Amino acid sequence: MTNREREILELIKKNPFITQEEIASKLNIARASVAVHITNLMKKGYILGKGYIINLDEYVLVIGGANVDIQGFPKEKLKYKDSNPGILNMSLGGVARNIAENLARLNVNVKLITAVGDDMYGKKL
């Protein structure tokens, strides 16, 4: 990427609706030159089509479930039809959440789309 292309790309990042005339005015170059630079940025994959949609970092998108797994264990032998004091173990789960976490641990840029409740468990997730 040339220095001029970098300047144009930065202006587009700041204002995706900027016109070629505005870019030309800010950089003190001809509008036709801006058009050539934008075409080159599109060919190089920095801009994805009209409207100056910028190609951000690639990522893996994971869509699916995320939940909180809760397990209870009695402290003593289980007594049927009676109270059984014990302990609870909570852990984050859900197939999609687990996959997204493991990808992130491998330094993969990952995004997770899931349904999350507006309660203490959703906040934990």
Protein backbone atom coordinates (compact mmCIF):
# COMPACT_ATOMS: atom_id res chain seq x y z
CA MET A 1 0.00 0.00 0.00
CA THR A 2 1.36 3.41 -0.93
CA ASN A 3 1.50 6.34 1.49
CA ARG A 4 -1.23 8.12 -0.45
CA GLU A 5 -3.45 5.03 -0.36
CA ARG A 6 -2.88 4.81 3.39
CA GLU A 7 -3.92 8.47 3.78
CA ILE A 8 -7.09 7.89 1.74
CA LEU A 9 -7.93 4.70 3.66
CA GLU A 10 -7.57 6.53 6.99
CA LEU A 11 -9.94 9.26 5.81
CA ILE A 12 -12.45 6.61 4.72
CA LYS A 13 -12.14 4.80 8.07
CA LYS A 14 -12.93 8.05 9.89
CA ASN A 15 -15.88 8.81 7.60
CA PRO A 16 -17.13 5.97 5.35
CA PHE A 17 -19.51 8.43 3.64
CA ILE A 18 -16.78 10.85 2.58
CA THR A 19 -16.92 11.80 -1.09
CA GLN A 20 -14.05 11.67 -3.54
CA GLU A 21 -14.25 15.45 -3.81
CA GLU A 22 -13.84 15.81 -0.02
CA ILE A 23 -10.85 13.44 -0.03
CA ALA A 24 -9.27 15.37 -2.91
CA SER A 25 -9.77 18.66 -1.06
CA LYS A 26 -8.30 17.35 2.21
CA LEU A 27 -5.23 15.88 0.47
CA ASN A 28 -4.89 18.69 -2.09
CA ILE A 29 -4.97 16.30 -5.07
CA ALA A 30 -7.23 15.88 -8.07
CA ARG A 31 -10.53 13.97 -7.69
CA ALA A 32 -9.48 11.72 -10.59
CA SER A 33 -6.36 10.74 -8.62
CA VAL A 34 -8.54 9.84 -5.63
CA ALA A 35 -10.65 7.61 -7.91
CA VAL A 36 -7.54 5.78 -9.12
CA HIS A 37 -6.27 5.26 -5.57
CA ILE A 38 -9.68 3.99 -4.43
CA THR A 39 -9.78 1.56 -7.36
CA ASN A 40 -6.34 0.28 -6.35
CA LEU A 41 -7.46 -0.11 -2.73
CA MET A 42 -10.45 -2.14 -3.95
CA LYS A 43 -8.22 -4.36 -6.10
CA LYS A 44 -5.92 -4.94 -3.12
CA GLY A 45 -8.90 -5.92 -0.93
CA TYR A 46 -8.73 -3.01 1.53
CA ILE A 47 -12.10 -1.68 0.40
CA LEU A 48 -14.99 -4.04 -0.35
CA GLY A 49 -17.09 -2.38 -3.04
CA LYS A 50 -19.03 0.86 -3.22
CA GLY A 51 -19.83 2.69 -0.04
CA TYR A 52 -16.28 2.08 1.11
CA ILE A 53 -16.95 -0.98 3.21
CA ILE A 54 -13.57 -1.68 4.76
CA ASN A 55 -12.22 -5.20 5.07
CA LEU A 56 -11.45 -5.55 8.77
CA ASP A 57 -9.46 -8.38 10.27
CA GLU A 58 -10.69 -11.85 9.38
CA TYR A 59 -12.46 -13.79 12.11
CA VAL A 60 -14.28 -17.03 12.76
CA LEU A 61 -17.98 -16.62 13.54
CA VAL A 62 -19.49 -19.18 15.93
CA ILE A 63 -23.28 -19.32 16.25
CA GLY A 64 -24.97 -21.47 18.86
CA GLY A 65 -25.61 -22.16 22.50
CA ALA A 66 -23.99 -20.76 25.61
CA ASN A 67 -25.18 -21.69 29.07
CA VAL A 68 -24.18 -22.10 32.68
CA ASP A 69 -23.84 -25.70 33.80
CA ILE A 70 -24.84 -26.24 37.45
CA GLN A 71 -24.04 -29.50 39.21
CA GLY A 72 -24.94 -30.42 42.77
CA PHE A 73 -23.09 -32.97 44.91
CA PRO A 74 -24.20 -34.18 48.36
CA LYS A 75 -21.58 -34.04 51.13
CA GLU A 76 -22.59 -37.47 52.35
CA LYS A 77 -24.37 -40.49 50.94
CA LEU A 78 -27.59 -39.38 49.22
CA LYS A 79 -30.68 -39.75 51.43
CA TYR A 80 -33.87 -40.13 49.44
CA LYS A 81 -36.91 -38.07 50.49
CA ASP A 82 -34.75 -35.95 52.81
CA SER A 83 -32.57 -32.85 52.79
CA ASN A 84 -29.10 -33.43 51.42
CA PRO A 85 -26.62 -30.66 52.24
CA GLY A 86 -23.91 -30.41 49.62
CA ILE A 87 -22.04 -28.17 47.27
CA LEU A 88 -22.84 -26.64 43.89
CA ASN A 89 -20.40 -26.39 41.03
CA MET A 90 -21.07 -23.84 38.27
CA SER A 91 -19.16 -23.73 35.00
CA LEU A 92 -19.63 -21.98 31.68
CA GLY A 93 -20.79 -24.28 28.91
CA GLY A 94 -22.62 -24.62 25.66
CA VAL A 95 -21.12 -26.14 22.54
CA ALA A 96 -20.72 -22.85 20.63
CA ARG A 97 -19.33 -21.01 23.66
CA ASN A 98 -16.83 -23.80 24.29
CA ILE A 99 -15.70 -23.77 20.65
CA ALA A 100 -15.36 -19.96 20.66
CA GLU A 101 -13.35 -20.03 23.90
CA ASN A 102 -10.96 -22.68 22.62
CA LEU A 103 -10.43 -20.82 19.33
CA ALA A 104 -9.69 -17.65 21.30
CA ARG A 105 -7.16 -19.58 23.41
CA LEU A 106 -5.46 -20.48 20.10
CA ASN A 107 -5.24 -16.73 19.31
CA VAL A 108 -7.89 -16.96 16.60
CA ASN A 109 -9.99 -13.81 16.15
CA VAL A 110 -13.45 -15.18 16.98
CA LYS A 111 -16.95 -13.76 17.43
CA LEU A 112 -19.82 -15.57 19.15
CA ILE A 113 -23.51 -15.07 18.43
CA THR A 114 -25.74 -16.60 21.09
CA ALA A 115 -28.79 -15.85 23.20
CA VAL A 116 -27.94 -14.57 26.68
CA GLY A 117 -30.39 -13.82 29.48
CA ASP A 118 -30.41 -10.57 31.44
CA ASP A 119 -29.83 -12.28 34.78
CA MET A 120 -26.87 -13.23 36.96
CA TYR A 121 -26.07 -16.21 34.73
CA GLY A 122 -26.14 -14.08 31.61
CA LYS A 123 -23.78 -11.61 33.26
CA LYS A 124 -21.47 -14.49 34.21
CA LEU A 125 -21.39 -15.62 30.58
